[in-house]
Amino acid sequence: MENEKDLVVFEDDKGNEITMEVIDYFFYEGEEYALLTDYDENNADCENCESSDCSACTQEIIIMKVVPVGDDEEEFIPVDEELGEKLVKLIEEGAFDDDDFEDDDE
């Protein structure tokens, strides 16, 4: 399905479930990373309308490292602040804009 969302469910320190949507995946220095944002079922159909009052368009983006942990499973690990800032800068500069997301080391 073309419009199927890539959703991941996390659990916080208090046992509350947090559903996040994977916006995109990319590779950096041989490692895979994901861009995630909070998933809001009420705004699930928003297509980046950029309205100032749309919570789906104004949500924070989180970068996590993707680590395979089995045949069909993966674990999402938060990146440290320094790496996160570096990746955000590269993303803002358009370093990962191409469709094939090739690793720079290849």
PDB file of N, CA and C in Angstrom:
ATOM      1  N   MET A   1       0.830  -1.189   0.000  1.00  0.00           N
ATOM      2  CA  MET A   1       0.000   0.000   0.000  1.00  0.00           C
ATOM      3  C   MET A   1       0.867   1.243   0.000  1.00  0.00           C
ATOM      4  N   GLU A   2       0.527   2.163  -0.852  1.00  0.00           N
ATOM      5  CA  GLU A   2       1.336   3.365  -1.015  1.00  0.00           C
ATOM      6  C   GLU A   2       1.251   4.295   0.191  1.00  0.00           C
ATOM      7  N   ASN A   3       0.097   4.425   0.829  1.00  0.00           N
ATOM      8  CA  ASN A   3      -0.091   5.355   1.938  1.00  0.00           C
ATOM      9  C   ASN A   3       0.075   4.705   3.302  1.00  0.00           C
ATOM     10  N   GLU A   4       0.601   3.489   3.362  1.00  0.00           N
ATOM     11  CA  GLU A   4       0.774   2.808   4.636  1.00  0.00           C
ATOM     12  C   GLU A   4       1.861   3.495   5.454  1.00  0.00           C
ATOM     13  N   LYS A   5       1.560   3.766   6.715  1.00  0.00           N
ATOM     14  CA  LYS A   5       2.484   4.451   7.609  1.00  0.00           C
ATOM     15  C   LYS A   5       3.425   3.435   8.243  1.00  0.00           C
ATOM     16  N   ASP A   6       4.670   3.846   8.470  1.00  0.00           N
ATOM     17  CA  ASP A   6       5.662   3.031   9.169  1.00  0.00           C
ATOM     18  C   ASP A   6       5.649   3.484  10.624  1.00  0.00           C
ATOM     19  N   LEU A   7       4.901   2.780  11.473  1.00  0.00           N
ATOM     20  CA  LEU A   7       4.720   3.171  12.868  1.00  0.00           C
ATOM     21  C   LEU A   7       5.542   2.276  13.784  1.00  0.00           C
ATOM     22  N   VAL A   8       6.098   2.887  14.830  1.00  0.00           N
ATOM     23  CA  VAL A   8       6.892   2.185  15.828  1.00  0.00           C
ATOM     24  C   VAL A   8       6.336   2.568  17.194  1.00  0.00           C
ATOM     25  N   VAL A   9       6.177   1.580  18.075  1.00  0.00           N
ATOM     26  CA  VAL A   9       5.647   1.851  19.412  1.00  0.00           C
ATOM     27  C   VAL A   9       6.773   1.699  20.429  1.00  0.00           C
ATOM     28  N   PHE A  10       6.972   2.744  21.233  1.00  0.00           N
ATOM     29  CA  PHE A  10       7.969   2.748  22.300  1.00  0.00           C
ATOM     30  C   PHE A  10       7.244   2.799  23.639  1.00  0.00           C
ATOM     31  N   GLU A  11       7.964   2.469  24.690  1.00  0.00           N
ATOM     32  CA  GLU A  11       7.406   2.569  26.036  1.00  0.00           C
ATOM     33  C   GLU A  11       8.301   3.498  26.843  1.00  0.00           C
ATOM     34  N   ASP A  12       7.686   4.503  27.511  1.00  0.00           N
ATOM     35  CA  ASP A  12       8.479   5.428  28.321  1.00  0.00           C
ATOM     36  C   ASP A  12       8.758   4.833  29.703  1.00  0.00           C
ATOM     37  N   ASP A  13       9.448   5.593  30.548  1.00  0.00           N
ATOM     38  CA  ASP A  13       9.845   5.128  31.879  1.00  0.00           C
ATOM     39  C   ASP A  13       8.662   4.767  32.767  1.00  0.00           C
ATOM     40  N   LYS A  14       7.502   5.349  32.475  1.00  0.00           N
ATOM     41  CA  LYS A  14       6.307   5.113  33.289  1.00  0.00           C
ATOM     42  C   LYS A  14       5.398   4.030  32.702  1.00  0.00           C
ATOM     43  N   GLY A  15       5.844   3.385  31.630  1.00  0.00           N
ATOM     44  CA  GLY A  15       5.058   2.322  31.016  1.00  0.00           C
ATOM     45  C   GLY A  15       4.032   2.786  30.002  1.00  0.00           C
ATOM     46  N   ASN A  16       4.026   4.081  29.687  1.00  0.00           N
ATOM     47  CA  ASN A  16       3.099   4.613  28.689  1.00  0.00           C
ATOM     48  C   ASN A  16       3.611   4.310  27.286  1.00  0.00           C
ATOM     49  N   GLU A  17       2.700   3.917  26.406  1.00  0.00           N
ATOM     50  CA  GLU A  17       3.076   3.656  25.018  1.00  0.00           C
ATOM     51  C   GLU A  17       3.101   4.959  24.227  1.00  0.00           C
ATOM     52  N   ILE A  18       4.146   5.103  23.416  1.00  0.00           N
ATOM     53  CA  ILE A  18       4.299   6.273  22.549  1.00  0.00           C
ATOM     54  C   ILE A  18       4.436   5.758  21.120  1.00  0.00           C
ATOM     55  N   THR A  19       3.523   6.151  20.253  1.00  0.00           N
ATOM     56  CA  THR A  19       3.575   5.733  18.856  1.00  0.00           C
ATOM     57  C   THR A  19       4.255   6.831  18.053  1.00  0.00           C
ATOM     58  N   MET A  20       5.264   6.417  17.278  1.00  0.00           N
ATOM     59  CA  MET A  20       5.991   7.349  16.427  1.00  0.00           C
ATOM     60  C   MET A  20       5.938   6.854  14.996  1.00  0.00           C
ATOM     61  N   GLU A  21       5.998   7.801  14.080  1.00  0.00           N
ATOM     62  CA  GLU A  21       6.001   7.480  12.656  1.00  0.00           C
ATOM     63  C   GLU A  21       7.405   7.693  12.101  1.00  0.00           C
ATOM     64  N   VAL A  22       7.883   6.692  11.359  1.00  0.00           N
ATOM     65  CA  VAL A  22       9.169   6.832  10.682  1.00  0.00           C
ATOM     66  C   VAL A  22       8.921   7.631   9.409  1.00  0.00           C
ATOM     67  N   ILE A  23       9.563   8.781   9.330  1.00  0.00           N
ATOM     68  CA  ILE A  23       9.408   9.644   8.161  1.00  0.00           C
ATOM     69  C   ILE A  23      10.340   9.203   7.044  1.00  0.00           C
ATOM     70  N   ASP A  24      11.555   8.809   7.433  1.00  0.00           N
ATOM     71  CA  ASP A  24      12.549   8.429   6.434  1.00  0.00           C
ATOM     72  C   ASP A  24      13.680   7.666   7.087  1.00  0.00           C
ATOM     73  N   TYR A  25      14.402   6.907   6.279  1.00  0.00           N
ATOM     74  CA  TYR A  25      15.616   6.216   6.698  1.00  0.00           C
ATOM     75  C   TYR A  25      16.775   6.768   5.873  1.00  0.00           C
ATOM     76  N   PHE A  26      17.977   6.767   6.435  1.00  0.00           N
ATOM     77  CA  PHE A  26      19.157   7.172   5.681  1.00  0.00           C
ATOM     78  C   PHE A  26      20.386   6.510   6.289  1.00  0.00           C
ATOM     79  N   PHE A  27      21.476   6.484   5.517  1.00  0.00           N
ATOM     80  CA  PHE A  27      22.734   5.901   5.978  1.00  0.00           C
ATOM     81  C   PHE A  27      23.771   6.997   6.172  1.00  0.00           C
ATOM     82  N   TYR A  28      24.572   6.843   7.209  1.00  0.00           N
ATOM     83  CA  TYR A  28      25.681   7.758   7.477  1.00  0.00           C
ATOM     84  C   TYR A  28      26.823   6.942   8.084  1.00  0.00           C
ATOM     85  N   GLU A  29      27.980   7.019   7.453  1.00  0.00           N
ATOM     86  CA  GLU A  29      29.180   6.304   7.894  1.00  0.00           C
ATOM     87  C   GLU A  29      28.905   4.827   8.168  1.00  0.00           C
ATOM     88  N   GLY A  30      28.170   4.190   7.245  1.00  0.00           N
ATOM     89  CA  GLY A  30      27.927   2.760   7.324  1.00  0.00           C
ATOM     90  C   GLY A  30      26.841   2.333   8.289  1.00  0.00           C
ATOM     91  N   GLU A  31      26.193   3.271   8.948  1.00  0.00           N
ATOM     92  CA  GLU A  31      25.129   2.961   9.904  1.00  0.00           C
ATOM     93  C   GLU A  31      23.805   3.497   9.384  1.00  0.00           C
ATOM     94  N   GLU A  32      22.714   2.798   9.719  1.00  0.00           N
ATOM     95  CA  GLU A  32      21.393   3.236   9.301  1.00  0.00           C
ATOM     96  C   GLU A  32      20.729   4.051  10.407  1.00  0.00           C
ATOM     97  N   TYR A  33      20.067   5.128  10.013  1.00  0.00           N
ATOM     98  CA  TYR A  33      19.364   6.010  10.941  1.00  0.00           C
ATOM     99  C   TYR A  33      17.947   6.234  10.435  1.00  0.00           C
ATOM    100  N   ALA A  34      17.079   6.658  11.358  1.00  0.00           N
ATOM    101  CA  ALA A  34      15.688   6.938  10.997  1.00  0.00           C
ATOM    102  C   ALA A  34      15.289   8.294  11.546  1.00  0.00           C
ATOM    103  N   LEU A  35      14.464   8.993  10.779  1.00  0.00           N
ATOM    104  CA  LEU A  35      13.836  10.236  11.237  1.00  0.00           C
ATOM    105  C   LEU A  35      12.435   9.873  11.696  1.00  0.00           C
ATOM    106  N   LEU A  36      12.119  10.196  12.949  1.00  0.00           N
ATOM    107  CA  LEU A  36      10.818   9.865  13.515  1.00  0.00           C
ATOM    108  C   LEU A  36      10.137  11.108  14.058  1.00  0.00           C
ATOM    109  N   THR A  37       8.812  11.044  14.122  1.00  0.00           N
ATOM    110  CA  THR A  37       8.021  12.099  14.739  1.00  0.00           C
ATOM    111  C   THR A  37       6.848  11.450  15.461  1.00  0.00           C
ATOM    112  N   ASP A  38       6.275  12.164  16.417  1.00  0.00           N
ATOM    113  CA  ASP A  38       5.102  11.646  17.114  1.00  0.00           C
ATOM    114  C   ASP A  38       3.992  11.398  16.111  1.00  0.00           C
ATOM    115  N   TYR A  39       3.278  10.298  16.295  1.00  0.00           N
ATOM    116  CA  TYR A  39       2.152   9.976  15.424  1.00  0.00           C
ATOM    117  C   TYR A  39       0.865  10.382  16.118  1.00  0.00           C
ATOM    118  N   ASP A  40       0.073  11.174  15.435  1.00  0.00           N
ATOM    119  CA  ASP A  40      -1.209  11.628  15.967  1.00  0.00           C
ATOM    120  C   ASP A  40      -2.291  11.106  15.039  1.00  0.00           C
ATOM    121  N   GLU A  41      -3.074  10.154  15.520  1.00  0.00           N
ATOM    122  CA  GLU A  41      -4.135   9.563  14.707  1.00  0.00           C
ATOM    123  C   GLU A  41      -5.096  10.596  14.152  1.00  0.00           C
ATOM    124  N   ASN A  42      -5.322  11.677  14.900  1.00  0.00           N
ATOM    125  CA  ASN A  42      -6.245  12.721  14.457  1.00  0.00           C
ATOM    126  C   ASN A  42      -5.723  13.483  13.247  1.00  0.00           C
ATOM    127  N   ASN A  43      -4.410  13.539  13.080  1.00  0.00           N
ATOM    128  CA  ASN A  43      -3.814  14.252  11.950  1.00  0.00           C
ATOM    129  C   ASN A  43      -3.118  13.297  10.992  1.00  0.00           C
ATOM    130  N   ALA A  44      -3.520  12.043  10.980  1.00  0.00           N
ATOM    131  CA  ALA A  44      -2.855  11.027  10.167  1.00  0.00           C
ATOM    132  C   ALA A  44      -2.928  11.319   8.678  1.00  0.00           C
ATOM    133  N   ASP A  45      -3.944  12.044   8.239  1.00  0.00           N
ATOM    134  CA  ASP A  45      -4.094  12.311   6.813  1.00  0.00           C
ATOM    135  C   ASP A  45      -3.466  13.627   6.380  1.00  0.00           C
ATOM    136  N   CYS A  46      -2.862  14.346   7.299  1.00  0.00           N
ATOM    137  CA  CYS A  46      -2.229  15.618   6.965  1.00  0.00           C
ATOM    138  C   CYS A  46      -1.070  15.365   6.006  1.00  0.00           C
ATOM    139  N   GLU A  47      -1.004  16.082   4.963  1.00  0.00           N
ATOM    140  CA  GLU A  47       0.072  15.942   3.975  1.00  0.00           C
ATOM    141  C   GLU A  47       0.971  17.174   4.006  1.00  0.00           C
ATOM    142  N   ASN A  48       1.524  17.466   5.177  1.00  0.00           N
ATOM    143  CA  ASN A  48       2.425  18.608   5.339  1.00  0.00           C
ATOM    144  C   ASN A  48       1.773  19.902   4.862  1.00  0.00           C
ATOM    145  N   CYS A  49       0.618  20.173   5.431  1.00  0.00           N
ATOM    146  CA  CYS A  49      -0.133  21.347   5.018  1.00  0.00           C
ATOM    147  C   CYS A  49       0.538  22.642   5.471  1.00  0.00           C
ATOM    148  N   GLU A  50       1.456  22.534   6.432  1.00  0.00           N
ATOM    149  CA  GLU A  50       2.238  23.657   6.950  1.00  0.00           C
ATOM    150  C   GLU A  50       1.380  24.746   7.585  1.00  0.00           C
ATOM    151  N   SER A  51       0.211  24.390   8.031  1.00  0.00           N
ATOM    152  CA  SER A  51      -0.630  25.325   8.766  1.00  0.00           C
ATOM    153  C   SER A  51      -0.003  25.571  10.127  1.00  0.00           C
ATOM    154  N   SER A  52      -0.005  26.788  10.591  1.00  0.00           N
ATOM    155  CA  SER A  52       0.648  27.108  11.858  1.00  0.00           C
ATOM    156  C   SER A  52      -0.029  26.445  13.045  1.00  0.00           C
ATOM    157  N   ASP A  53      -1.281  26.025  12.901  1.00  0.00           N
ATOM    158  CA  ASP A  53      -1.964  25.378  14.017  1.00  0.00           C
ATOM    159  C   ASP A  53      -2.105  23.868  13.829  1.00  0.00           C
ATOM    160  N   CYS A  54      -1.466  23.301  12.837  1.00  0.00           N
ATOM    161  CA  CYS A  54      -1.526  21.858  12.587  1.00  0.00           C
ATOM    162  C   CYS A  54      -0.431  21.179  13.406  1.00  0.00           C
ATOM    163  N   SER A  55      -0.825  20.353  14.370  1.00  0.00           N
ATOM    164  CA  SER A  55       0.166  19.705  15.226  1.00  0.00           C
ATOM    165  C   SER A  55       1.030  18.717  14.450  1.00  0.00           C
ATOM    166  N   ALA A  56       0.522  18.139  13.370  1.00  0.00           N
ATOM    167  CA  ALA A  56       1.314  17.192  12.584  1.00  0.00           C
ATOM    168  C   ALA A  56       2.449  17.888  11.843  1.00  0.00           C
ATOM    169  N   CYS A  57       2.251  19.148  11.492  1.00  0.00           N
ATOM    170  CA  CYS A  57       3.279  19.873  10.737  1.00  0.00           C
ATOM    171  C   CYS A  57       4.282  20.583  11.640  1.00  0.00           C
ATOM    172  N   THR A  58       3.995  20.673  12.918  1.00  0.00           N
ATOM    173  CA  THR A  58       4.877  21.411  13.816  1.00  0.00           C
ATOM    174  C   THR A  58       5.542  20.517  14.850  1.00  0.00           C
ATOM    175  N   GLN A  59       5.508  19.207  14.649  1.00  0.00           N
ATOM    176  CA  GLN A  59       6.087  18.290  15.616  1.00  0.00           C
ATOM    177  C   GLN A  59       7.596  18.212  15.494  1.00  0.00           C
ATOM    178  N   GLU A  60       8.206  17.842  16.601  1.00  0.00           N
ATOM    179  CA  GLU A  60       9.650  17.682  16.664  1.00  0.00           C
ATOM    180  C   GLU A  60      10.066  16.411  15.931  1.00  0.00           C
ATOM    181  N   ILE A  61      11.211  16.473  15.271  1.00  0.00           N
ATOM    182  CA  ILE A  61      11.784  15.324  14.584  1.00  0.00           C
ATOM    183  C   ILE A  61      12.864  14.729  15.482  1.00  0.00           C
ATOM    184  N   ILE A  62      12.881  13.411  15.589  1.00  0.00           N
ATOM    185  CA  ILE A  62      13.867  12.704  16.396  1.00  0.00           C
ATOM    186  C   ILE A  62      14.672  11.803  15.472  1.00  0.00           C
ATOM    187  N   ILE A  63      15.995  11.747  15.693  1.00  0.00           N
ATOM    188  CA  ILE A  63      16.865  10.871  14.911  1.00  0.00           C
ATOM    189  C   ILE A  63      17.281   9.709  15.806  1.00  0.00           C
ATOM    190  N   MET A  64      17.125   8.483  15.291  1.00  0.00           N
ATOM    191  CA  MET A  64      17.528   7.290  16.027  1.00  0.00           C
ATOM    192  C   MET A  64      18.322   6.368  15.123  1.00  0.00           C
ATOM    193  N   LYS A  65      19.272   5.653  15.715  1.00  0.00           N
ATOM    194  CA  LYS A  65      20.043   4.656  14.994  1.00  0.00           C
ATOM    195  C   LYS A  65      19.205   3.388  14.897  1.00  0.00           C
ATOM    196  N   VAL A  66      19.245   2.739  13.733  1.00  0.00           N
ATOM    197  CA  VAL A  66      18.497   1.513  13.494  1.00  0.00           C
ATOM    198  C   VAL A  66      19.474   0.340  13.552  1.00  0.00           C
ATOM    199  N   VAL A  67      19.207  -0.599  14.463  1.00  0.00           N
ATOM    200  CA  VAL A  67      20.090  -1.745  14.654  1.00  0.00           C
ATOM    201  C   VAL A  67      19.282  -3.028  14.453  1.00  0.00           C
ATOM    202  N   PRO A  68      19.690  -3.881  13.493  1.00  0.00           N
ATOM    203  CA  PRO A  68      18.993  -5.158  13.304  1.00  0.00           C
ATOM    204  C   PRO A  68      19.190  -6.060  14.526  1.00  0.00           C
ATOM    205  N   VAL A  69      18.093  -6.724  14.987  1.00  0.00           N
ATOM    206  CA  VAL A  69      18.181  -7.617  16.146  1.00  0.00           C
ATOM    207  C   VAL A  69      17.509  -8.960  15.863  1.00  0.00           C
ATOM    208  N   GLY A  70      17.522  -9.356  14.649  1.00  0.00           N
ATOM    209  CA  GLY A  70      16.903 -10.620  14.262  1.00  0.00           C
ATOM    210  C   GLY A  70      16.620 -10.591  12.780  1.00  0.00           C
ATOM    211  N   ASP A  71      15.951 -11.633  12.320  1.00  0.00           N
ATOM    212  CA  ASP A  71      15.663 -11.718  10.891  1.00  0.00           C
ATOM    213  C   ASP A  71      14.791 -10.574  10.392  1.00  0.00           C
ATOM    214  N   ASP A  72      13.716 -10.292  11.100  1.00  0.00           N
ATOM    215  CA  ASP A  72      12.771  -9.271  10.641  1.00  0.00           C
ATOM    216  C   ASP A  72      12.536  -8.188  11.686  1.00  0.00           C
ATOM    217  N   GLU A  73      13.460  -8.026  12.604  1.00  0.00           N
ATOM    218  CA  GLU A  73      13.275  -7.044  13.664  1.00  0.00           C
ATOM    219  C   GLU A  73      14.420  -6.053  13.688  1.00  0.00           C
ATOM    220  N   GLU A  74      14.115  -4.872  14.201  1.00  0.00           N
ATOM    221  CA  GLU A  74      15.141  -3.849  14.362  1.00  0.00           C
ATOM    222  C   GLU A  74      14.874  -3.077  15.637  1.00  0.00           C
ATOM    223  N   GLU A  75      15.940  -2.551  16.191  1.00  0.00           N
ATOM    224  CA  GLU A  75      15.845  -1.771  17.423  1.00  0.00           C
ATOM    225  C   GLU A  75      16.225  -0.334  17.100  1.00  0.00           C
ATOM    226  N   PHE A  76      15.524   0.611  17.709  1.00  0.00           N
ATOM    227  CA  PHE A  76      15.796   2.027  17.514  1.00  0.00           C
ATOM    228  C   PHE A  76      16.503   2.552  18.760  1.00  0.00           C
ATOM    229  N   ILE A  77      17.696   3.104  18.565  1.00  0.00           N
ATOM    230  CA  ILE A  77      18.512   3.586  19.682  1.00  0.00           C
ATOM    231  C   ILE A  77      18.726   5.082  19.521  1.00  0.00           C
ATOM    232  N   PRO A  78      18.441   5.865  20.567  1.00  0.00           N
ATOM    233  CA  PRO A  78      18.677   7.319  20.479  1.00  0.00           C
ATOM    234  C   PRO A  78      20.154   7.611  20.216  1.00  0.00           C
ATOM    235  N   VAL A  79      20.414   8.624  19.411  1.00  0.00           N
ATOM    236  CA  VAL A  79      21.792   9.036  19.159  1.00  0.00           C
ATOM    237  C   VAL A  79      22.202  10.064  20.218  1.00  0.00           C
ATOM    238  N   ASP A  80      23.526  10.149  20.468  1.00  0.00           N
ATOM    239  CA  ASP A  80      23.967  11.138  21.445  1.00  0.00           C
ATOM    240  C   ASP A  80      23.821  12.537  20.863  1.00  0.00           C
ATOM    241  N   GLU A  81      23.846  13.522  21.719  1.00  0.00           N
ATOM    242  CA  GLU A  81      23.553  14.903  21.324  1.00  0.00           C
ATOM    243  C   GLU A  81      24.507  15.418  20.234  1.00  0.00           C
ATOM    244  N   GLU A  82      25.784  15.115  20.364  1.00  0.00           N
ATOM    245  CA  GLU A  82      26.773  15.600  19.393  1.00  0.00           C
ATOM    246  C   GLU A  82      26.512  15.039  17.997  1.00  0.00           C
ATOM    247  N   LEU A  83      26.291  13.725  17.911  1.00  0.00           N
ATOM    248  CA  LEU A  83      25.997  13.103  16.617  1.00  0.00           C
ATOM    249  C   LEU A  83      24.669  13.621  16.074  1.00  0.00           C
ATOM    250  N   GLY A  84      23.682  13.762  16.945  1.00  0.00           N
ATOM    251  CA  GLY A  84      22.376  14.269  16.528  1.00  0.00           C
ATOM    252  C   GLY A  84      22.489  15.639  15.885  1.00  0.00           C
ATOM    253  N   GLU A  85      23.267  16.526  16.508  1.00  0.00           N
ATOM    254  CA  GLU A  85      23.462  17.871  15.953  1.00  0.00           C
ATOM    255  C   GLU A  85      24.155  17.816  14.597  1.00  0.00           C
ATOM    256  N   LYS A  86      25.134  16.934  14.466  1.00  0.00           N
ATOM    257  CA  LYS A  86      25.851  16.785  13.193  1.00  0.00           C
ATOM    258  C   LYS A  86      24.903  16.279  12.100  1.00  0.00           C
ATOM    259  N   LEU A  87      24.084  15.278  12.424  1.00  0.00           N
ATOM    260  CA  LEU A  87      23.139  14.732  11.449  1.00  0.00           C
ATOM    261  C   LEU A  87      22.081  15.756  11.059  1.00  0.00           C
ATOM    262  N   VAL A  88      21.584  16.524  12.026  1.00  0.00           N
ATOM    263  CA  VAL A  88      20.604  17.569  11.726  1.00  0.00           C
ATOM    264  C   VAL A  88      21.204  18.575  10.750  1.00  0.00           C
ATOM    265  N   LYS A  89      22.449  18.960  10.983  1.00  0.00           N
ATOM    266  CA  LYS A  89      23.113  19.924  10.094  1.00  0.00           C
ATOM    267  C   LYS A  89      23.230  19.347   8.681  1.00  0.00           C
ATOM    268  N   LEU A  90      23.626  18.070   8.575  1.00  0.00           N
ATOM    269  CA  LEU A  90      23.737  17.433   7.259  1.00  0.00           C
ATOM    270  C   LEU A  90      22.380  17.335   6.564  1.00  0.00           C
ATOM    271  N   ILE A  91      21.347  17.023   7.331  1.00  0.00           N
ATOM    272  CA  ILE A  91      19.995  16.940   6.764  1.00  0.00           C
ATOM    273  C   ILE A  91      19.561  18.304   6.246  1.00  0.00           C
ATOM    274  N   GLU A  92      19.798  19.350   7.047  1.00  0.00           N
ATOM    275  CA  GLU A  92      19.426  20.706   6.631  1.00  0.00           C
ATOM    276  C   GLU A  92      20.181  21.145   5.381  1.00  0.00           C
ATOM    277  N   GLU A  93      21.404  20.645   5.208  1.00  0.00           N
ATOM    278  CA  GLU A  93      22.200  20.974   4.026  1.00  0.00           C
ATOM    279  C   GLU A  93      21.813  20.126   2.815  1.00  0.00           C
ATOM    280  N   GLY A  94      20.897  19.164   3.007  1.00  0.00           N
ATOM    281  CA  GLY A  94      20.429  18.341   1.901  1.00  0.00           C
ATOM    282  C   GLY A  94      21.310  17.159   1.574  1.00  0.00           C
ATOM    283  N   ALA A  95      22.143  16.736   2.511  1.00  0.00           N
ATOM    284  CA  ALA A  95      23.082  15.649   2.257  1.00  0.00           C
ATOM    285  C   ALA A  95      22.403  14.325   1.943  1.00  0.00           C
ATOM    286  N   PHE A  96      21.168  14.133   2.388  1.00  0.00           N
ATOM    287  CA  PHE A  96      20.479  12.864   2.195  1.00  0.00           C
ATOM    288  C   PHE A  96      19.255  13.005   1.304  1.00  0.00           C
ATOM    289  N   ASP A  97      19.234  14.024   0.443  1.00  0.00           N
ATOM    290  CA  ASP A  97      18.061  14.291  -0.385  1.00  0.00           C
ATOM    291  C   ASP A  97      17.911  13.367  -1.584  1.00  0.00           C
ATOM    292  N   ASP A  98      18.991  12.713  -2.030  1.00  0.00           N
ATOM    293  CA  ASP A  98      18.867  11.872  -3.215  1.00  0.00           C
ATOM    294  C   ASP A  98      18.045  10.636  -2.902  1.00  0.00           C
ATOM    295  N   ASP A  99      17.408  10.089  -3.925  1.00  0.00           N
ATOM    296  CA  ASP A  99      16.469   8.983  -3.750  1.00  0.00           C
ATOM    297  C   ASP A  99      17.127   7.672  -3.356  1.00  0.00           C
ATOM    298  N   ASP A 100      18.408   7.471  -3.700  1.00  0.00           N
ATOM    299  CA  ASP A 100      19.003   6.163  -3.445  1.00  0.00           C
ATOM    300  C   ASP A 100      19.707   6.081  -2.088  1.00  0.00           C
ATOM    301  N   PHE A 101      19.842   7.166  -1.363  1.00  0.00           N
ATOM    302  CA  PHE A 101      20.417   7.188  -0.019  1.00  0.00           C
ATOM    303  C   PHE A 101      21.707   6.377   0.060  1.00  0.00           C
ATOM    304  N   GLU A 102      22.576   6.537  -0.913  1.00  0.00           N
ATOM    305  CA  GLU A 102      23.833   5.808  -0.925  1.00  0.00           C
ATOM    306  C   GLU A 102      24.731   6.275   0.204  1.00  0.00           C
ATOM    307  N   ASP A 103      25.457   5.332   0.779  1.00  0.00           N
ATOM    308  CA  ASP A 103      26.417   5.619   1.823  1.00  0.00           C
ATOM    309  C   ASP A 103      27.605   6.340   1.187  1.00  0.00           C
ATOM    310  N   ASP A 104      28.079   7.413   1.792  1.00  0.00           N
ATOM    311  CA  ASP A 104      29.199   8.176   1.270  1.00  0.00           C
ATOM    312  C   ASP A 104      30.484   7.363   1.215  1.00  0.00           C
ATOM    313  N   ASP A 105      30.605   6.311   2.019  1.00  0.00           N
ATOM    314  CA  ASP A 105      31.825   5.514   2.073  1.00  0.00           C
ATOM    315  C   ASP A 105      31.910   4.499   0.950  1.00  0.00           C
ATOM    316  N   GLU A 106      30.829   4.286   0.231  1.00  0.00           N
ATOM    317  CA  GLU A 106      30.824   3.258  -0.820  1.00  0.00           C
ATOM    318  C   GLU A 106      31.401   3.796  -2.100  1.00  0.00           C
TER     319      GLU A 106
END
